[in-house]
Protein backbone atom coordinates (compact mmCIF):
# COMPACT_ATOMS: atom_id res chain seq x y z
CA MET A 1 -0.02 0.01 -0.04
CA SER A 2 1.46 3.38 -0.96
CA SER A 3 1.57 5.89 1.87
CA ASP A 4 1.20 8.75 -0.70
CA SER A 5 -2.25 7.66 -1.86
CA ALA A 6 -5.26 9.08 -0.13
CA ASP A 7 -7.51 6.46 -1.61
CA ALA A 8 -5.56 3.82 0.34
CA LEU A 9 -7.56 4.73 3.48
CA LEU A 10 -9.26 1.98 5.34
CA SER A 11 -13.02 1.76 4.86
CA PRO A 12 -15.17 2.93 7.78
CA GLU A 13 -16.17 -0.70 8.29
CA ARG A 14 -12.60 -2.01 8.45
CA THR A 15 -11.66 0.84 10.82
CA GLU A 16 -14.52 0.11 13.07
CA ARG A 17 -13.67 -3.54 13.10
CA GLY A 18 -10.05 -2.86 14.03
CA ARG A 19 -11.17 -0.50 16.75
CA ASP A 20 -13.54 -3.07 18.13
CA LEU A 21 -10.83 -5.75 18.26
CA LEU A 22 -8.34 -3.49 20.06
CA GLY A 23 -11.01 -2.21 22.27
CA LYS A 24 -11.95 -5.70 23.47
CA LEU A 25 -8.31 -6.38 24.36
CA ARG A 26 -7.94 -3.06 26.10
CA GLY A 27 -11.15 -3.58 28.04
CA GLY A 28 -9.97 -6.97 29.19
CA LEU A 29 -6.68 -5.54 30.41
CA GLY A 30 -8.75 -3.14 32.48
CA GLN A 31 -9.95 -6.14 34.56
CA VAL A 32 -6.32 -6.82 35.52
CA ILE A 33 -4.94 -3.51 36.34
CA PHE A 34 -6.77 -0.64 37.99
CA GLY A 35 -6.12 3.09 37.58
CA GLN A 36 -3.37 2.76 34.91
CA ASP A 37 -5.10 3.84 31.69
CA GLU A 38 -2.08 5.07 29.91
CA LEU A 39 -0.20 1.86 30.68
CA LEU A 40 -3.07 -0.32 29.31
CA ASP A 41 -3.35 1.84 26.19
CA LEU A 42 0.40 1.57 25.47
CA THR A 43 0.33 -2.17 26.06
CA THR A 44 -2.47 -2.64 23.63
CA ILE A 45 -0.66 -0.37 21.03
CA ALA A 46 2.62 -2.32 21.52
CA LEU A 47 0.88 -5.61 20.91
CA ALA A 48 -1.03 -4.35 17.84
CA SER A 49 2.29 -3.03 16.55
CA ARG A 50 3.90 -6.55 16.84
CA GLY A 51 6.50 -5.04 19.11
CA HIS A 52 8.25 -6.12 22.30
CA LEU A 53 7.55 -4.26 25.57
CA LEU A 54 9.65 -3.38 28.52
CA LEU A 55 7.91 -2.47 31.76
CA GLU A 56 9.89 -0.73 34.54
CA GLY A 57 8.74 -0.13 38.14
CA LEU A 58 9.05 -1.17 41.66
CA PRO A 59 7.99 -4.66 42.73
CA GLY A 60 4.31 -5.17 43.46
CA LEU A 61 2.78 -2.81 40.96
CA GLY A 62 1.18 -5.51 38.77
CA LYS A 63 3.68 -5.69 35.90
CA THR A 64 3.75 -9.47 35.95
CA GLU A 65 -0.03 -9.84 36.35
CA LEU A 66 -0.57 -7.54 33.44
CA VAL A 67 1.43 -9.81 31.06
CA LYS A 68 -0.13 -12.91 32.45
CA GLY A 69 -3.53 -11.44 31.92
CA LEU A 70 -2.68 -10.48 28.39
CA SER A 71 -1.78 -14.10 27.55
CA SER A 72 -5.20 -15.29 28.93
CA LEU A 73 -7.10 -12.66 26.83
CA LEU A 74 -5.27 -13.69 23.70
CA GLY A 75 -5.30 -17.44 24.11
CA LEU A 76 -1.67 -17.75 22.85
CA SER A 77 1.02 -20.11 24.16
CA PHE A 78 2.73 -18.45 27.16
CA ARG A 79 5.92 -19.02 29.07
CA ARG A 80 7.41 -17.17 31.96
CA VAL A 81 11.07 -16.94 32.69
CA GLN A 82 12.30 -15.70 36.02
CA PHE A 83 15.61 -13.99 35.35
CA THR A 84 18.17 -14.51 38.08
CA PRO A 85 22.05 -14.10 38.27
CA ASP A 86 22.57 -17.77 37.72
CA LEU A 87 20.36 -18.13 34.66
CA LEU A 88 22.29 -19.32 31.63
CA PRO A 89 21.60 -18.58 27.94
CA SER A 90 20.69 -22.22 27.27
CA ASP A 91 18.10 -22.04 30.04
CA ILE A 92 16.04 -19.82 27.78
CA THR A 93 16.97 -20.88 24.26
CA GLY A 94 17.11 -24.63 25.00
CA GLY A 95 19.87 -26.94 23.73
CA PRO A 96 20.84 -30.40 22.61
CA VAL A 97 19.91 -33.26 24.93
CA LEU A 98 21.42 -36.86 24.46
CA GLN A 99 18.56 -39.30 23.80
CA GLU A 100 18.35 -42.90 22.68
CA GLN A 101 16.24 -43.50 19.52
CA ASP A 102 15.95 -46.76 17.64
CA GLY A 103 18.94 -48.17 19.57
CA LYS A 104 21.12 -45.12 18.75
CA ARG A 105 22.21 -42.35 21.08
CA GLU A 106 22.08 -38.91 19.49
CA PHE A 107 21.67 -35.22 20.42
CA VAL A 108 18.13 -33.85 20.01
CA PHE A 109 17.38 -30.22 20.38
CA GLN A 110 15.16 -29.56 23.43
CA GLN A 111 13.17 -26.31 23.10
CA GLY A 112 13.53 -23.68 25.76
CA PRO A 113 10.87 -21.33 27.13
CA LEU A 114 11.47 -18.88 24.23
CA PHE A 115 9.46 -21.24 22.12
CA ALA A 116 6.12 -19.61 22.93
CA ASN A 117 3.98 -16.86 21.34
CA LEU A 118 4.19 -14.65 24.42
CA VAL A 119 7.35 -14.78 26.66
CA LEU A 120 7.42 -12.99 30.05
CA ALA A 121 10.99 -12.13 30.85
CA ASP A 122 10.39 -11.34 34.64
CA GLU A 123 12.91 -8.97 36.24
CA ILE A 124 15.06 -9.13 33.16
CA ASN A 125 17.83 -6.97 34.60
CA ARG A 126 18.60 -9.40 37.39
CA ALA A 127 20.35 -11.76 34.98
CA SER A 128 23.88 -11.35 33.71
CA PRO A 129 24.48 -9.43 30.47
CA LYS A 130 25.54 -12.72 28.84
CA THR A 131 22.06 -14.20 29.38
CA GLN A 132 20.31 -10.97 28.41
CA SER A 133 22.23 -11.01 25.19
CA ALA A 134 20.79 -14.43 24.34
CA LEU A 135 17.46 -12.58 23.61
CA LEU A 136 18.95 -10.34 20.95
CA GLU A 137 18.57 -12.77 17.99
CA ALA A 138 15.13 -13.95 19.18
CA MET A 139 13.75 -10.44 19.48
CA GLN A 140 15.03 -9.26 16.19
CA GLU A 141 14.97 -12.26 13.87
CA ARG A 142 12.35 -14.45 15.67
CA GLN A 143 14.80 -17.38 15.76
CA VAL A 144 17.62 -18.80 17.79
CA SER A 145 20.88 -20.34 16.82
CA VAL A 146 22.28 -23.18 18.84
CA LEU A 147 25.55 -24.94 17.88
CA GLY A 148 25.16 -23.57 14.33
CA ASP A 149 21.54 -24.80 13.85
CA ARG A 150 18.80 -22.34 13.29
CA HIS A 151 15.49 -22.80 15.08
CA VAL A 152 12.46 -20.67 14.09
CA LEU A 153 10.33 -19.33 16.92
CA PRO A 154 6.45 -19.51 16.79
CA SER A 155 4.56 -16.75 15.06
CA PRO A 156 3.45 -14.34 16.45
CA PHE A 157 6.33 -13.90 19.03
CA PHE A 158 6.49 -11.22 21.67
CA VAL A 159 8.90 -10.62 24.61
CA PHE A 160 7.14 -8.66 27.27
CA ALA A 161 9.78 -7.99 29.93
CA THR A 162 9.69 -6.40 33.37
CA GLN A 163 12.60 -4.84 35.17
CA ASN A 164 13.24 -3.08 38.45
CA PRO A 165 14.79 0.35 38.60
CA ILE A 166 18.52 0.05 38.12
CA GLU A 167 19.10 1.69 41.56
CA LEU A 168 17.90 -1.45 43.26
CA GLU A 169 20.51 -3.91 44.57
CA GLY A 170 21.26 -6.89 42.26
CA THR A 171 20.28 -5.34 38.94
CA TYR A 172 22.33 -4.99 35.77
CA PRO A 173 21.73 -2.26 33.10
CA LEU A 174 20.45 -3.75 29.88
CA PRO A 175 22.80 -3.37 26.87
CA GLU A 176 21.90 -0.58 24.54
CA ALA A 177 21.47 -3.06 21.67
CA GLN A 178 18.90 -4.93 23.64
CA LEU A 179 17.04 -1.91 24.72
CA ASP A 180 16.87 -0.89 21.04
CA ARG A 181 14.81 -4.06 20.27
CA PHE A 182 11.94 -3.09 22.54
CA LEU A 183 9.32 -1.11 20.76
CA PHE A 184 8.37 0.65 24.02
CA LYS A 185 9.76 1.06 27.42
CA VAL A 186 7.00 2.18 29.81
CA ASP A 187 7.41 3.33 33.43
CA VAL A 188 4.84 1.77 35.78
CA PRO A 189 3.92 4.38 38.44
CA SER A 190 2.52 3.85 41.86
CA VAL A 191 -1.22 4.37 42.36
CA GLY A 192 -3.12 6.70 44.54
CA PRO A 193 -5.41 6.05 47.54
CA ASP A 194 -8.60 5.86 45.35
CA VAL A 195 -7.12 3.03 43.26
CA LEU A 196 -5.91 1.34 46.40
CA VAL A 197 -9.46 1.32 47.79
CA THR A 198 -10.66 -0.32 44.49
CA ILE A 199 -7.95 -2.96 44.80
CA LEU A 200 -8.88 -3.75 48.37
CA GLU A 201 -12.46 -4.12 47.42
CA ASN A 202 -11.94 -6.31 44.40
CA ARG A 203 -8.70 -8.19 44.94
CA ARG A 204 -9.09 -10.42 47.87
CA ARG A 205 -5.67 -11.94 48.65
CA GLY A 206 -4.35 -10.29 45.50
CA GLN A 207 -6.09 -12.72 43.09
CA VAL A 208 -6.90 -11.62 39.64
CA PRO A 209 -10.33 -12.87 38.32
CA GLU A 210 -10.37 -15.64 35.63
CA LEU A 211 -10.17 -14.03 32.23
CA GLU A 212 -11.87 -15.30 29.05
CA CYS A 213 -10.14 -15.15 25.70
CA VAL A 214 -11.51 -12.14 23.83
CA MET A 215 -9.33 -12.36 20.72
CA SER A 216 -8.53 -15.63 18.80
CA GLU A 217 -5.37 -16.10 16.88
CA GLU A 218 -7.41 -15.34 13.67
CA ASP A 219 -8.78 -12.17 15.24
CA LEU A 220 -5.20 -11.09 16.15
CA GLN A 221 -3.96 -11.69 12.67
CA GLU A 222 -6.94 -9.65 11.36
CA ALA A 223 -6.07 -6.86 13.71
CA PHE A 224 -2.42 -6.89 12.50
CA ALA A 225 -3.68 -6.62 8.97
CA ILE A 226 -5.93 -3.64 9.72
CA VAL A 227 -3.13 -1.80 11.54
CA ASP A 228 -0.94 -2.35 8.55
CA GLY A 229 -3.65 -0.65 6.45
CA VAL A 230 -3.74 2.60 8.62
CA PHE A 231 -2.69 5.46 6.34
CA LEU A 232 0.60 7.31 7.26
CA PRO A 233 0.53 10.68 5.42
CA LYS A 234 3.77 12.05 4.01
CA PRO A 235 3.89 15.07 6.32
CA VAL A 236 3.62 12.70 9.35
CA THR A 237 6.38 10.50 7.94
CA GLN A 238 8.58 13.61 7.65
CA TYR A 239 7.74 14.63 11.16
CA ILE A 240 8.79 11.33 12.52
CA ALA A 241 12.07 11.46 10.59
CA ARG A 242 12.82 14.92 11.90
CA LEU A 243 12.02 13.96 15.52
CA VAL A 244 14.37 10.98 15.46
CA ALA A 245 17.16 12.88 13.65
CA ALA A 246 16.84 15.71 16.18
CA THR A 247 17.82 13.30 19.02
CA HIS A 248 21.33 13.65 17.80
CA ALA A 249 23.28 16.76 19.10
CA THR A 250 24.87 17.23 15.77
CA ASN A 251 21.60 17.69 13.94
CA ASP A 252 20.62 21.26 12.96
CA ASP A 253 17.07 20.81 14.41
CA ALA A 254 18.40 19.46 17.81
CA PRO A 255 16.96 21.60 20.64
CA ASP A 256 19.11 22.89 23.42
CA MET A 257 18.38 20.13 25.86
CA VAL A 258 19.47 17.50 23.41
CA ARG A 259 22.76 19.42 22.71
CA ALA A 260 23.34 19.74 26.46
CA PHE A 261 22.39 16.31 27.74
CA VAL A 262 22.35 13.67 25.01
CA ARG A 263 25.47 11.70 24.29
CA HIS A 264 23.97 9.38 21.68
CA GLY A 265 20.75 9.79 19.79
CA ALA A 266 18.14 7.32 18.79
CA SER A 267 18.65 4.66 16.02
CA PRO A 268 16.61 4.21 12.88
CA ARG A 269 14.59 1.57 14.79
CA ALA A 270 13.13 4.46 16.74
CA ALA A 271 11.62 5.85 13.56
CA ILE A 272 10.30 2.42 12.59
CA ALA A 273 8.83 2.10 16.11
CA LEU A 274 7.14 5.48 15.86
CA GLY A 275 5.58 4.75 12.49
CA GLU A 276 4.15 1.36 13.56
CA ALA A 277 2.96 2.52 17.01
CA SER A 278 1.41 5.61 15.50
CA ARG A 279 -0.71 3.43 13.27
CA ALA A 280 -1.92 1.32 16.17
CA CYS A 281 -2.53 4.33 18.23
CA ALA A 282 -4.78 5.90 15.50
CA LEU A 283 -6.72 2.66 15.06
CA LEU A 284 -7.35 2.36 18.82
CA ALA A 285 -8.89 5.85 18.56
CA GLY A 286 -10.98 4.67 15.58
CA ARG A 287 -9.26 6.63 12.93
CA PRO A 288 -8.05 5.28 9.58
CA ASN A 289 -5.01 7.62 9.28
CA VAL A 290 -2.22 8.77 11.57
CA ASP A 291 -1.98 12.50 12.71
CA PHE A 292 0.74 14.37 14.46
CA ASP A 293 -0.84 13.82 17.96
CA ASP A 294 -0.59 10.05 17.48
CA VAL A 295 3.19 10.40 17.06
CA LYS A 296 3.48 12.70 20.01
CA ARG A 297 1.52 10.32 22.32
CA VAL A 298 3.93 7.40 21.54
CA ALA A 299 7.09 9.38 21.28
CA ALA A 300 8.30 9.07 24.86
CA PRO A 301 7.94 5.36 25.21
CA ALA A 302 9.37 4.70 21.71
CA ILE A 303 12.35 7.07 21.88
CA GLY A 304 13.22 7.56 25.53
CA HIS A 305 15.07 4.25 26.03
CA ARG A 306 16.96 4.70 22.77
CA ILE A 307 18.86 7.80 23.75
CA VAL A 308 21.87 7.77 25.95
CA LEU A 309 22.24 10.66 28.38
CA ASP A 310 25.62 12.04 29.55
CA HIS A 311 26.66 12.53 33.25
CA ALA A 312 25.44 16.11 33.24
CA ALA A 313 21.88 14.89 32.74
CA ARG A 314 22.18 12.48 35.66
CA LEU A 315 23.60 15.23 37.93
CA GLU A 316 20.80 17.63 37.10
CA GLY A 317 18.08 15.00 37.23
CA VAL A 318 17.05 15.23 33.62
CA THR A 319 15.18 12.21 32.33
CA PRO A 320 14.74 10.83 28.82
CA ALA A 321 10.95 11.59 29.07
CA GLN A 322 11.83 15.35 29.61
CA ILE A 323 14.19 15.28 26.62
CA VAL A 324 11.44 13.79 24.41
CA GLU A 325 8.82 16.25 25.70
CA ASP A 326 11.18 19.21 24.92
CA LEU A 327 11.97 17.61 21.48
CA CYS A 328 8.30 17.36 20.55
CA GLY A 329 7.77 20.99 21.54
CA ALA A 330 10.76 22.16 19.52
CA ILE A 331 10.05 20.37 16.22
CA ASP A 332 7.30 22.00 14.20
CA PRO A 333 5.19 19.33 12.73
CA LEU A 334 4.01 21.44 9.80
CA GLN A 335 7.45 22.75 8.72
CA GLU A 336 8.06 20.06 6.14
CA ALA A 337 4.43 20.15 4.98
CA LEU A 338 4.59 23.80 3.89
CA PRO A 339 5.73 24.79 0.37
CA GLU A 340 9.37 25.88 0.10
CA GLY A 341 8.56 29.60 -0.11
CA LEU A 342 6.31 29.61 2.99
CA ARG A 343 8.74 27.96 5.43
């Protein structure tokens, strides 16, 4: 589908169908987590974009329950891996096991927990960098290589990971290459007293209610196809490109905060993530085309973890979210859309 053709817009019927599918999933997630509307919206958008999701927050905020609830709502195969310092790469990818078949002893590949549609990497930053790196090939290429043999992972394949803030004891910072493979990194905040009252009234002993599957595998594939059909206009594409380019201090459009606090800007994967997530964001709102506000809404979770701040930012308490907010305010969405003589 050409992104330059206005007649490539989804029909109202297809748009409504896509919104209905994503709305059912979003509504189901609302039964798992209370008072976290933005978190639930971004989780739905990440899934519809076929991207991986990294959730960061203190223990006990419901990150694990959210992913477990998502697996129940989708009816996909699900595996949970608890990341610990002694976890080895073969513990998640699998490896050869010596078995006897027809009187012969030979090595047979035994699949690890990565061979599922939805993998929960729980407390991912408590494992060593060596084990974390074992996810790189799986997340990017949807396959694992063991002793030179390639093993294709199920489709669809998602890694939804949780991590504790790096200030906590026993955590390791994730490698930049691995962070770059997450579509979103979302901070999970604490909730207020009103939400705590709701939890106390509805979560006896912290148990989440049984969830029914609201989206079959066929429905999920249909939702993916509809998201792919959401129209991305040329001016929005240009805006995404300028936003990502401006995360680099050497770029002419880089705002003062980027020049002062950013050591390394975002990779091209950030632009791809913004484009795909903006499509899903528009469809969740019931629109067949992406606008600038869709891009701004997903900019912080898509770009923030892909920029590397310098020491000055840490000393002054500047966060990636503040950098992205300043970036969105500094870059004029309409500049590239205007004729040359009117800029």
